[in-house]
């Protein structure tokens, strides 16, 4: 029984080694080579040419946070918080 358990992995290793020996190596002139494909070196790049500036009011409204929300979009809880009395340390 223990011999059979050793024999199966040994035969499997031998079969895989033999298959690797028959595969094409980098020095084989008869090895199959995929065809070369043309791809432009600038494909996928973004144009950074100058453009006319946008109206500043529209840009500000687009990037400004929505009224009454914080960065993650949740409405801040202001109940139970003390108003800012100016007693905090200022630099």
PDB file of N, CA and C in Angstrom:
ATOM      1  N   UNK A   1       0.805  -1.191   0.000  1.00  0.00           N
ATOM      2  CA  UNK A   1       0.000   0.000   0.000  1.00  0.00           C
ATOM      3  C   UNK A   1       0.858   1.268   0.000  1.00  0.00           C
ATOM      4  N   UNK A   2       1.895   1.391   0.893  1.00  0.00           N
ATOM      5  CA  UNK A   2       2.720   2.597   0.872  1.00  0.00           C
ATOM      6  C   UNK A   2       3.465   2.763  -0.449  1.00  0.00           C
ATOM      7  N   UNK A   3       3.765   1.678  -1.143  1.00  0.00           N
ATOM      8  CA  UNK A   3       4.471   1.764  -2.407  1.00  0.00           C
ATOM      9  C   UNK A   3       3.590   2.405  -3.466  1.00  0.00           C
ATOM     10  N   UNK A   4       2.303   2.107  -3.444  1.00  0.00           N
ATOM     11  CA  UNK A   4       1.377   2.689  -4.418  1.00  0.00           C
ATOM     12  C   UNK A   4       1.257   4.200  -4.204  1.00  0.00           C
ATOM     13  N   UNK A   5       1.241   4.632  -2.953  1.00  0.00           N
ATOM     14  CA  UNK A   5       1.135   6.056  -2.686  1.00  0.00           C
ATOM     15  C   UNK A   5       2.366   6.817  -3.166  1.00  0.00           C
ATOM     16  N   UNK A   6       3.507   6.168  -3.146  1.00  0.00           N
ATOM     17  CA  UNK A   6       4.724   6.789  -3.638  1.00  0.00           C
ATOM     18  C   UNK A   6       4.805   6.715  -5.166  1.00  0.00           C
ATOM     19  N   UNK A   7       4.269   5.688  -5.753  1.00  0.00           N
ATOM     20  CA  UNK A   7       4.369   5.457  -7.186  1.00  0.00           C
ATOM     21  C   UNK A   7       3.554   6.473  -7.990  1.00  0.00           C
ATOM     22  N   UNK A   8       2.391   6.853  -7.522  1.00  0.00           N
ATOM     23  CA  UNK A   8       1.533   7.780  -8.267  1.00  0.00           C
ATOM     24  C   UNK A   8       2.201   9.152  -8.424  1.00  0.00           C
ATOM     25  N   UNK A   9       2.690   9.785  -7.368  1.00  0.00           N
ATOM     26  CA  UNK A   9       3.362  11.084  -7.563  1.00  0.00           C
ATOM     27  C   UNK A   9       4.640  10.964  -8.387  1.00  0.00           C
ATOM     28  N   UNK A  10       5.341   9.843  -8.269  1.00  0.00           N
ATOM     29  CA  UNK A  10       6.573   9.666  -9.036  1.00  0.00           C
ATOM     30  C   UNK A  10       6.263   9.573 -10.525  1.00  0.00           C
ATOM     31  N   UNK A  11       5.222   8.848 -10.899  1.00  0.00           N
ATOM     32  CA  UNK A  11       4.846   8.740 -12.311  1.00  0.00           C
ATOM     33  C   UNK A  11       4.317  10.074 -12.845  1.00  0.00           C
ATOM     34  N   UNK A  12       3.589  10.780 -12.035  1.00  0.00           N
ATOM     35  CA  UNK A  12       3.083  12.082 -12.443  1.00  0.00           C
ATOM     36  C   UNK A  12       4.232  13.064 -12.669  1.00  0.00           C
ATOM     37  N   UNK A  13       5.218  13.054 -11.803  1.00  0.00           N
ATOM     38  CA  UNK A  13       6.390  13.913 -11.962  1.00  0.00           C
ATOM     39  C   UNK A  13       7.164  13.542 -13.225  1.00  0.00           C
ATOM     40  N   UNK A  14       7.303  12.278 -13.497  1.00  0.00           N
ATOM     41  CA  UNK A  14       7.999  11.811 -14.693  1.00  0.00           C
ATOM     42  C   UNK A  14       7.270  12.250 -15.960  1.00  0.00           C
ATOM     43  N   UNK A  15       5.949  12.165 -15.963  1.00  0.00           N
ATOM     44  CA  UNK A  15       5.170  12.569 -17.134  1.00  0.00           C
ATOM     45  C   UNK A  15       5.277  14.072 -17.380  1.00  0.00           C
ATOM     46  N   UNK A  16       5.226  14.862 -16.319  1.00  0.00           N
ATOM     47  CA  UNK A  16       5.332  16.305 -16.483  1.00  0.00           C
ATOM     48  C   UNK A  16       6.719  16.728 -16.932  1.00  0.00           C
ATOM     49  N   UNK A  17       7.730  16.040 -16.464  1.00  0.00           N
ATOM     50  CA  UNK A  17       9.102  16.341 -16.883  1.00  0.00           C
ATOM     51  C   UNK A  17       9.302  16.004 -18.352  1.00  0.00           C
ATOM     52  N   UNK A  18       8.739  14.902 -18.806  1.00  0.00           N
ATOM     53  CA  UNK A  18       8.856  14.506 -20.212  1.00  0.00           C
ATOM     54  C   UNK A  18       8.114  15.492 -21.104  1.00  0.00           C
ATOM     55  N   UNK A  19       6.969  15.997 -20.659  1.00  0.00           N
ATOM     56  CA  UNK A  19       6.214  16.961 -21.461  1.00  0.00           C
ATOM     57  C   UNK A  19       6.981  18.278 -21.564  1.00  0.00           C
ATOM     58  N   UNK A  20       7.652  18.682 -20.513  1.00  0.00           N
ATOM     59  CA  UNK A  20       8.422  19.924 -20.536  1.00  0.00           C
ATOM     60  C   UNK A  20       9.644  19.790 -21.435  1.00  0.00           C
ATOM     61  N   UNK A  21      10.199  18.617 -21.543  1.00  0.00           N
ATOM     62  CA  UNK A  21      11.374  18.407 -22.387  1.00  0.00           C
ATOM     63  C   UNK A  21      11.016  18.509 -23.863  1.00  0.00           C
ATOM     64  N   UNK A  22       9.766  18.238 -24.227  1.00  0.00           N
ATOM     65  CA  UNK A  22       9.352  18.279 -25.626  1.00  0.00           C
ATOM     66  C   UNK A  22       8.806  19.644 -26.040  1.00  0.00           C
ATOM     67  N   UNK A  23       8.653  20.569 -25.113  1.00  0.00           N
ATOM     68  CA  UNK A  23       8.154  21.892 -25.479  1.00  0.00           C
ATOM     69  C   UNK A  23       9.272  22.704 -26.130  1.00  0.00           C
ATOM     70  N   UNK A  24       8.894  23.701 -26.921  1.00  0.00           N
ATOM     71  CA  UNK A  24       9.866  24.508 -27.648  1.00  0.00           C
ATOM     72  C   UNK A  24      10.609  25.426 -26.690  1.00  0.00           C
ATOM     73  N   UNK A  25      11.903  25.524 -26.884  1.00  0.00           N
ATOM     74  CA  UNK A  25      12.734  26.385 -26.064  1.00  0.00           C
ATOM     75  C   UNK A  25      13.024  27.688 -26.795  1.00  0.00           C
ATOM     76  N   UNK A  26      13.665  28.631 -26.136  1.00  0.00           N
ATOM     77  CA  UNK A  26      13.959  29.908 -26.777  1.00  0.00           C
ATOM     78  C   UNK A  26      15.011  29.813 -27.885  1.00  0.00           C
ATOM     79  N   UNK A  27      15.789  28.757 -27.892  1.00  0.00           N
ATOM     80  CA  UNK A  27      16.805  28.594 -28.929  1.00  0.00           C
ATOM     81  C   UNK A  27      16.352  27.719 -30.090  1.00  0.00           C
ATOM     82  N   UNK A  28      15.075  27.340 -30.098  1.00  0.00           N
ATOM     83  CA  UNK A  28      14.538  26.485 -31.152  1.00  0.00           C
ATOM     84  C   UNK A  28      14.055  27.347 -32.317  1.00  0.00           C
ATOM     85  N   UNK A  29      14.695  27.220 -33.512  1.00  0.00           N
ATOM     86  CA  UNK A  29      14.271  28.037 -34.650  1.00  0.00           C
ATOM     87  C   UNK A  29      12.897  27.627 -35.201  1.00  0.00           C
ATOM     88  N   UNK A  30      12.423  26.466 -34.878  1.00  0.00           N
ATOM     89  CA  UNK A  30      11.123  25.997 -35.361  1.00  0.00           C
ATOM     90  C   UNK A  30       9.996  26.294 -34.367  1.00  0.00           C
ATOM     91  N   UNK A  31      10.277  27.012 -33.319  1.00  0.00           N
ATOM     92  CA  UNK A  31       9.268  27.318 -32.304  1.00  0.00           C
ATOM     93  C   UNK A  31       8.207  28.240 -32.901  1.00  0.00           C
ATOM     94  N   UNK A  32       6.943  28.010 -32.571  1.00  0.00           N
ATOM     95  CA  UNK A  32       5.889  28.884 -33.094  1.00  0.00           C
ATOM     96  C   UNK A  32       5.973  30.275 -32.441  1.00  0.00           C
ATOM     97  N   UNK A  33       5.774  31.293 -33.251  1.00  0.00           N
ATOM     98  CA  UNK A  33       5.862  32.673 -32.787  1.00  0.00           C
ATOM     99  C   UNK A  33       4.564  33.383 -33.148  1.00  0.00           C
ATOM    100  N   UNK A  34       3.939  34.084 -32.203  1.00  0.00           N
ATOM    101  CA  UNK A  34       2.719  34.823 -32.544  1.00  0.00           C
ATOM    102  C   UNK A  34       3.040  35.971 -33.490  1.00  0.00           C
ATOM    103  N   UNK A  35       2.123  36.320 -34.372  1.00  0.00           N
ATOM    104  CA  UNK A  35       2.404  37.402 -35.316  1.00  0.00           C
ATOM    105  C   UNK A  35       2.515  38.745 -34.597  1.00  0.00           C
ATOM    106  N   UNK A  36       3.392  39.603 -35.134  1.00  0.00           N
ATOM    107  CA  UNK A  36       3.566  40.930 -34.548  1.00  0.00           C
ATOM    108  C   UNK A  36       2.376  41.800 -34.923  1.00  0.00           C
ATOM    109  N   UNK A  37       1.911  42.598 -33.980  1.00  0.00           N
ATOM    110  CA  UNK A  37       0.793  43.489 -34.229  1.00  0.00           C
ATOM    111  C   UNK A  37       1.256  44.920 -34.058  1.00  0.00           C
ATOM    112  N   UNK A  38       0.799  45.802 -34.947  1.00  0.00           N
ATOM    113  CA  UNK A  38       1.152  47.204 -34.836  1.00  0.00           C
ATOM    114  C   UNK A  38       0.268  47.881 -33.803  1.00  0.00           C
ATOM    115  N   UNK A  39       0.895  48.621 -32.920  1.00  0.00           N
ATOM    116  CA  UNK A  39       0.180  49.418 -31.935  1.00  0.00           C
ATOM    117  C   UNK A  39       0.932  50.732 -31.792  1.00  0.00           C
ATOM    118  N   UNK A  40       0.238  51.846 -31.987  1.00  0.00           N
ATOM    119  CA  UNK A  40       0.864  53.154 -31.920  1.00  0.00           C
ATOM    120  C   UNK A  40       1.394  53.407 -30.510  1.00  0.00           C
ATOM    121  N   UNK A  41       2.543  54.075 -30.431  1.00  0.00           N
ATOM    122  CA  UNK A  41       3.125  54.360 -29.128  1.00  0.00           C
ATOM    123  C   UNK A  41       2.367  55.456 -28.400  1.00  0.00           C
ATOM    124  N   UNK A  42       1.555  56.225 -29.109  1.00  0.00           N
ATOM    125  CA  UNK A  42       0.801  57.295 -28.456  1.00  0.00           C
ATOM    126  C   UNK A  42      -0.673  56.944 -28.295  1.00  0.00           C
ATOM    127  N   UNK A  43      -1.036  55.693 -28.528  1.00  0.00           N
ATOM    128  CA  UNK A  43      -2.435  55.316 -28.339  1.00  0.00           C
ATOM    129  C   UNK A  43      -2.764  55.338 -26.852  1.00  0.00           C
ATOM    130  N   UNK A  44      -3.922  55.875 -26.529  1.00  0.00           N
ATOM    131  CA  UNK A  44      -4.351  55.941 -25.144  1.00  0.00           C
ATOM    132  C   UNK A  44      -3.855  57.159 -24.393  1.00  0.00           C
ATOM    133  N   UNK A  45      -3.155  58.068 -25.070  1.00  0.00           N
ATOM    134  CA  UNK A  45      -2.697  59.271 -24.383  1.00  0.00           C
ATOM    135  C   UNK A  45      -3.776  60.342 -24.421  1.00  0.00           C
ATOM    136  N   UNK A  46      -3.705  61.280 -23.494  1.00  0.00           N
ATOM    137  CA  UNK A  46      -4.684  62.350 -23.390  1.00  0.00           C
ATOM    138  C   UNK A  46      -4.062  63.633 -23.927  1.00  0.00           C
ATOM    139  N   UNK A  47      -4.854  64.396 -24.641  1.00  0.00           N
ATOM    140  CA  UNK A  47      -4.373  65.657 -25.192  1.00  0.00           C
ATOM    141  C   UNK A  47      -4.366  66.717 -24.100  1.00  0.00           C
ATOM    142  N   UNK A  48      -3.267  67.429 -23.978  1.00  0.00           N
ATOM    143  CA  UNK A  48      -3.145  68.501 -23.008  1.00  0.00           C
ATOM    144  C   UNK A  48      -2.936  69.849 -23.700  1.00  0.00           C
ATOM    145  N   UNK A  49      -3.542  70.009 -24.859  1.00  0.00           N
ATOM    146  CA  UNK A  49      -3.435  71.274 -25.571  1.00  0.00           C
ATOM    147  C   UNK A  49      -4.254  72.333 -24.856  1.00  0.00           C
ATOM    148  N   UNK A  50      -3.836  73.577 -24.942  1.00  0.00           N
ATOM    149  CA  UNK A  50      -4.571  74.643 -24.260  1.00  0.00           C
ATOM    150  C   UNK A  50      -6.004  74.765 -24.777  1.00  0.00           C
ATOM    151  N   UNK A  51      -6.913  75.057 -23.853  1.00  0.00           N
ATOM    152  CA  UNK A  51      -8.317  75.263 -24.200  1.00  0.00           C
ATOM    153  C   UNK A  51      -8.765  76.580 -23.577  1.00  0.00           C
ATOM    154  N   UNK A  52      -9.882  77.073 -24.020  1.00  0.00           N
ATOM    155  CA  UNK A  52     -10.433  78.292 -23.447  1.00  0.00           C
ATOM    156  C   UNK A  52     -10.862  78.020 -22.010  1.00  0.00           C
ATOM    157  N   UNK A  53     -10.649  78.979 -21.109  1.00  0.00           N
ATOM    158  CA  UNK A  53     -11.067  78.766 -19.721  1.00  0.00           C
ATOM    159  C   UNK A  53     -12.589  78.770 -19.597  1.00  0.00           C
ATOM    160  N   UNK A  54     -13.083  78.018 -18.637  1.00  0.00           N
ATOM    161  CA  UNK A  54     -14.512  77.967 -18.356  1.00  0.00           C
ATOM    162  C   UNK A  54     -14.892  79.133 -17.456  1.00  0.00           C
ATOM    163  N   UNK A  55     -16.156  79.530 -17.459  1.00  0.00           N
ATOM    164  CA  UNK A  55     -16.578  80.594 -16.545  1.00  0.00           C
ATOM    165  C   UNK A  55     -16.349  80.165 -15.097  1.00  0.00           C
ATOM    166  N   UNK A  56     -15.743  81.037 -14.296  1.00  0.00           N
ATOM    167  CA  UNK A  56     -15.343  80.654 -12.941  1.00  0.00           C
ATOM    168  C   UNK A  56     -16.542  80.324 -12.058  1.00  0.00           C
ATOM    169  N   UNK A  57     -17.672  80.950 -12.269  1.00  0.00           N
ATOM    170  CA  UNK A  57     -18.849  80.657 -11.452  1.00  0.00           C
ATOM    171  C   UNK A  57     -19.328  79.224 -11.647  1.00  0.00           C
ATOM    172  N   UNK A  58     -19.337  78.767 -12.894  1.00  0.00           N
ATOM    173  CA  UNK A  58     -19.747  77.382 -13.181  1.00  0.00           C
ATOM    174  C   UNK A  58     -18.776  76.374 -12.582  1.00  0.00           C
ATOM    175  N   UNK A  59     -17.496  76.683 -12.682  1.00  0.00           N
ATOM    176  CA  UNK A  59     -16.483  75.779 -12.137  1.00  0.00           C
ATOM    177  C   UNK A  59     -16.617  75.701 -10.620  1.00  0.00           C
ATOM    178  N   UNK A  60     -16.821  76.830  -9.969  1.00  0.00           N
ATOM    179  CA  UNK A  60     -16.972  76.831  -8.514  1.00  0.00           C
ATOM    180  C   UNK A  60     -18.191  76.034  -8.075  1.00  0.00           C
ATOM    181  N   UNK A  61     -19.302  76.197  -8.769  1.00  0.00           N
ATOM    182  CA  UNK A  61     -20.510  75.443  -8.403  1.00  0.00           C
ATOM    183  C   UNK A  61     -20.314  73.948  -8.621  1.00  0.00           C
ATOM    184  N   UNK A  62     -19.550  73.590  -9.625  1.00  0.00           N
ATOM    185  CA  UNK A  62     -19.346  72.176  -9.916  1.00  0.00           C
ATOM    186  C   UNK A  62     -18.484  71.495  -8.859  1.00  0.00           C
ATOM    187  N   UNK A  63     -17.501  72.189  -8.309  1.00  0.00           N
ATOM    188  CA  UNK A  63     -16.590  71.557  -7.348  1.00  0.00           C
ATOM    189  C   UNK A  63     -16.943  71.848  -5.901  1.00  0.00           C
ATOM    190  N   UNK A  64     -17.879  72.751  -5.662  1.00  0.00           N
ATOM    191  CA  UNK A  64     -18.242  73.102  -4.282  1.00  0.00           C
ATOM    192  C   UNK A  64     -19.029  71.971  -3.638  1.00  0.00           C
ATOM    193  N   UNK A  65     -18.859  71.781  -2.317  1.00  0.00           N
ATOM    194  CA  UNK A  65     -19.656  70.753  -1.635  1.00  0.00           C
ATOM    195  C   UNK A  65     -21.124  71.163  -1.616  1.00  0.00           C
ATOM    196  N   UNK A  66     -21.982  70.180  -1.626  1.00  0.00           N
ATOM    197  CA  UNK A  66     -23.416  70.442  -1.576  1.00  0.00           C
ATOM    198  C   UNK A  66     -23.755  71.050  -0.229  1.00  0.00           C
ATOM    199  N   UNK A  67     -24.697  71.973  -0.195  1.00  0.00           N
ATOM    200  CA  UNK A  67     -25.076  72.672   1.027  1.00  0.00           C
ATOM    201  C   UNK A  67     -25.641  71.701   2.054  1.00  0.00           C
ATOM    202  N   UNK A  68     -25.107  71.753   3.274  1.00  0.00           N
ATOM    203  CA  UNK A  68     -25.615  70.928   4.368  1.00  0.00           C
ATOM    204  C   UNK A  68     -25.066  69.521   4.412  1.00  0.00           C
ATOM    205  N   UNK A  69     -24.057  69.209   3.640  1.00  0.00           N
ATOM    206  CA  UNK A  69     -23.476  67.868   3.676  1.00  0.00           C
ATOM    207  C   UNK A  69     -21.982  67.980   3.917  1.00  0.00           C
ATOM    208  N   UNK A  70     -21.408  66.907   4.449  1.00  0.00           N
ATOM    209  CA  UNK A  70     -19.959  66.876   4.625  1.00  0.00           C
ATOM    210  C   UNK A  70     -19.335  66.094   3.482  1.00  0.00           C
ATOM    211  N   UNK A  71     -18.052  65.774   3.562  1.00  0.00           N
ATOM    212  CA  UNK A  71     -17.328  65.165   2.448  1.00  0.00           C
ATOM    213  C   UNK A  71     -17.905  63.836   1.982  1.00  0.00           C
ATOM    214  N   UNK A  72     -18.424  63.021   2.897  1.00  0.00           N
ATOM    215  CA  UNK A  72     -18.947  61.716   2.489  1.00  0.00           C
ATOM    216  C   UNK A  72     -20.411  61.780   2.101  1.00  0.00           C
ATOM    217  N   UNK A  73     -21.002  62.994   2.029  1.00  0.00           N
ATOM    218  CA  UNK A  73     -22.368  63.141   1.571  1.00  0.00           C
ATOM    219  C   UNK A  73     -23.402  63.073   2.676  1.00  0.00           C
ATOM    220  N   UNK A  74     -22.989  62.829   3.924  1.00  0.00           N
ATOM    221  CA  UNK A  74     -23.930  62.732   5.027  1.00  0.00           C
ATOM    222  C   UNK A  74     -24.178  64.115   5.614  1.00  0.00           C
ATOM    223  N   UNK A  75     -25.370  64.314   6.109  1.00  0.00           N
ATOM    224  CA  UNK A  75     -25.707  65.582   6.752  1.00  0.00           C
ATOM    225  C   UNK A  75     -25.086  65.582   8.145  1.00  0.00           C
ATOM    226  N   UNK A  76     -24.314  66.625   8.494  1.00  0.00           N
ATOM    227  CA  UNK A  76     -23.671  66.639   9.808  1.00  0.00           C
ATOM    228  C   UNK A  76     -24.699  66.797  10.917  1.00  0.00           C
ATOM    229  N   UNK A  77     -24.435  66.152  12.032  1.00  0.00           N
ATOM    230  CA  UNK A  77     -25.317  66.224  13.198  1.00  0.00           C
ATOM    231  C   UNK A  77     -24.872  67.399  14.056  1.00  0.00           C
ATOM    232  N   UNK A  78     -25.704  68.440  14.124  1.00  0.00           N
ATOM    233  CA  UNK A  78     -25.335  69.633  14.886  1.00  0.00           C
ATOM    234  C   UNK A  78     -26.095  69.733  16.192  1.00  0.00           C
ATOM    235  N   UNK A  79     -26.951  68.772  16.487  1.00  0.00           N
ATOM    236  CA  UNK A  79     -27.709  68.813  17.737  1.00  0.00           C
ATOM    237  C   UNK A  79     -26.784  68.512  18.912  1.00  0.00           C
ATOM    238  N   UNK A  80     -26.897  69.309  19.968  1.00  0.00           N
ATOM    239  CA  UNK A  80     -26.128  69.051  21.171  1.00  0.00           C
ATOM    240  C   UNK A  80     -24.712  69.559  21.118  1.00  0.00           C
ATOM    241  N   UNK A  81     -24.333  70.270  20.074  1.00  0.00           N
ATOM    242  CA  UNK A  81     -22.975  70.802  20.013  1.00  0.00           C
ATOM    243  C   UNK A  81     -23.003  72.259  20.426  1.00  0.00           C
ATOM    244  N   UNK A  82     -21.983  72.669  21.111  1.00  0.00           N
ATOM    245  CA  UNK A  82     -21.902  74.050  21.578  1.00  0.00           C
ATOM    246  C   UNK A  82     -21.479  74.942  20.427  1.00  0.00           C
ATOM    247  N   UNK A  83     -22.022  76.139  20.359  1.00  0.00           N
ATOM    248  CA  UNK A  83     -21.592  77.060  19.307  1.00  0.00           C
ATOM    249  C   UNK A  83     -20.153  77.504  19.537  1.00  0.00           C
ATOM    250  N   UNK A  84     -19.507  77.925  18.495  1.00  0.00           N
ATOM    251  CA  UNK A  84     -18.127  78.367  18.562  1.00  0.00           C
ATOM    252  C   UNK A  84     -18.111  79.737  19.257  1.00  0.00           C
ATOM    253  N   UNK A  85     -17.534  79.803  20.438  1.00  0.00           N
ATOM    254  CA  UNK A  85     -17.529  81.038  21.217  1.00  0.00           C
ATOM    255  C   UNK A  85     -16.208  81.769  21.097  1.00  0.00           C
ATOM    256  N   UNK A  86     -15.289  81.255  20.359  1.00  0.00           N
ATOM    257  CA  UNK A  86     -14.011  81.907  20.192  1.00  0.00           C
ATOM    258  C   UNK A  86     -13.036  81.619  21.312  1.00  0.00           C
ATOM    259  N   UNK A  87     -13.334  80.670  22.176  1.00  0.00           N
ATOM    260  CA  UNK A  87     -12.445  80.355  23.287  1.00  0.00           C
ATOM    261  C   UNK A  87     -11.355  79.375  22.893  1.00  0.00           C
ATOM    262  N   UNK A  88     -11.375  78.959  21.652  1.00  0.00           N
ATOM    263  CA  UNK A  88     -10.353  78.024  21.200  1.00  0.00           C
ATOM    264  C   UNK A  88      -9.066  78.767  20.933  1.00  0.00           C
ATOM    265  N   UNK A  89      -7.950  78.064  21.052  1.00  0.00           N
ATOM    266  CA  UNK A  89      -6.629  78.660  20.822  1.00  0.00           C
ATOM    267  C   UNK A  89      -6.452  78.982  19.344  1.00  0.00           C
ATOM    268  N   UNK A  90      -6.044  80.180  19.051  1.00  0.00           N
ATOM    269  CA  UNK A  90      -5.814  80.593  17.665  1.00  0.00           C
ATOM    270  C   UNK A  90      -4.345  80.919  17.492  1.00  0.00           C
ATOM    271  N   UNK A  91      -3.820  80.602  16.342  1.00  0.00           N
ATOM    272  CA  UNK A  91      -2.401  80.866  16.041  1.00  0.00           C
ATOM    273  C   UNK A  91      -2.252  82.184  15.373  1.00  0.00           C
TER     274      UNK A  91
END
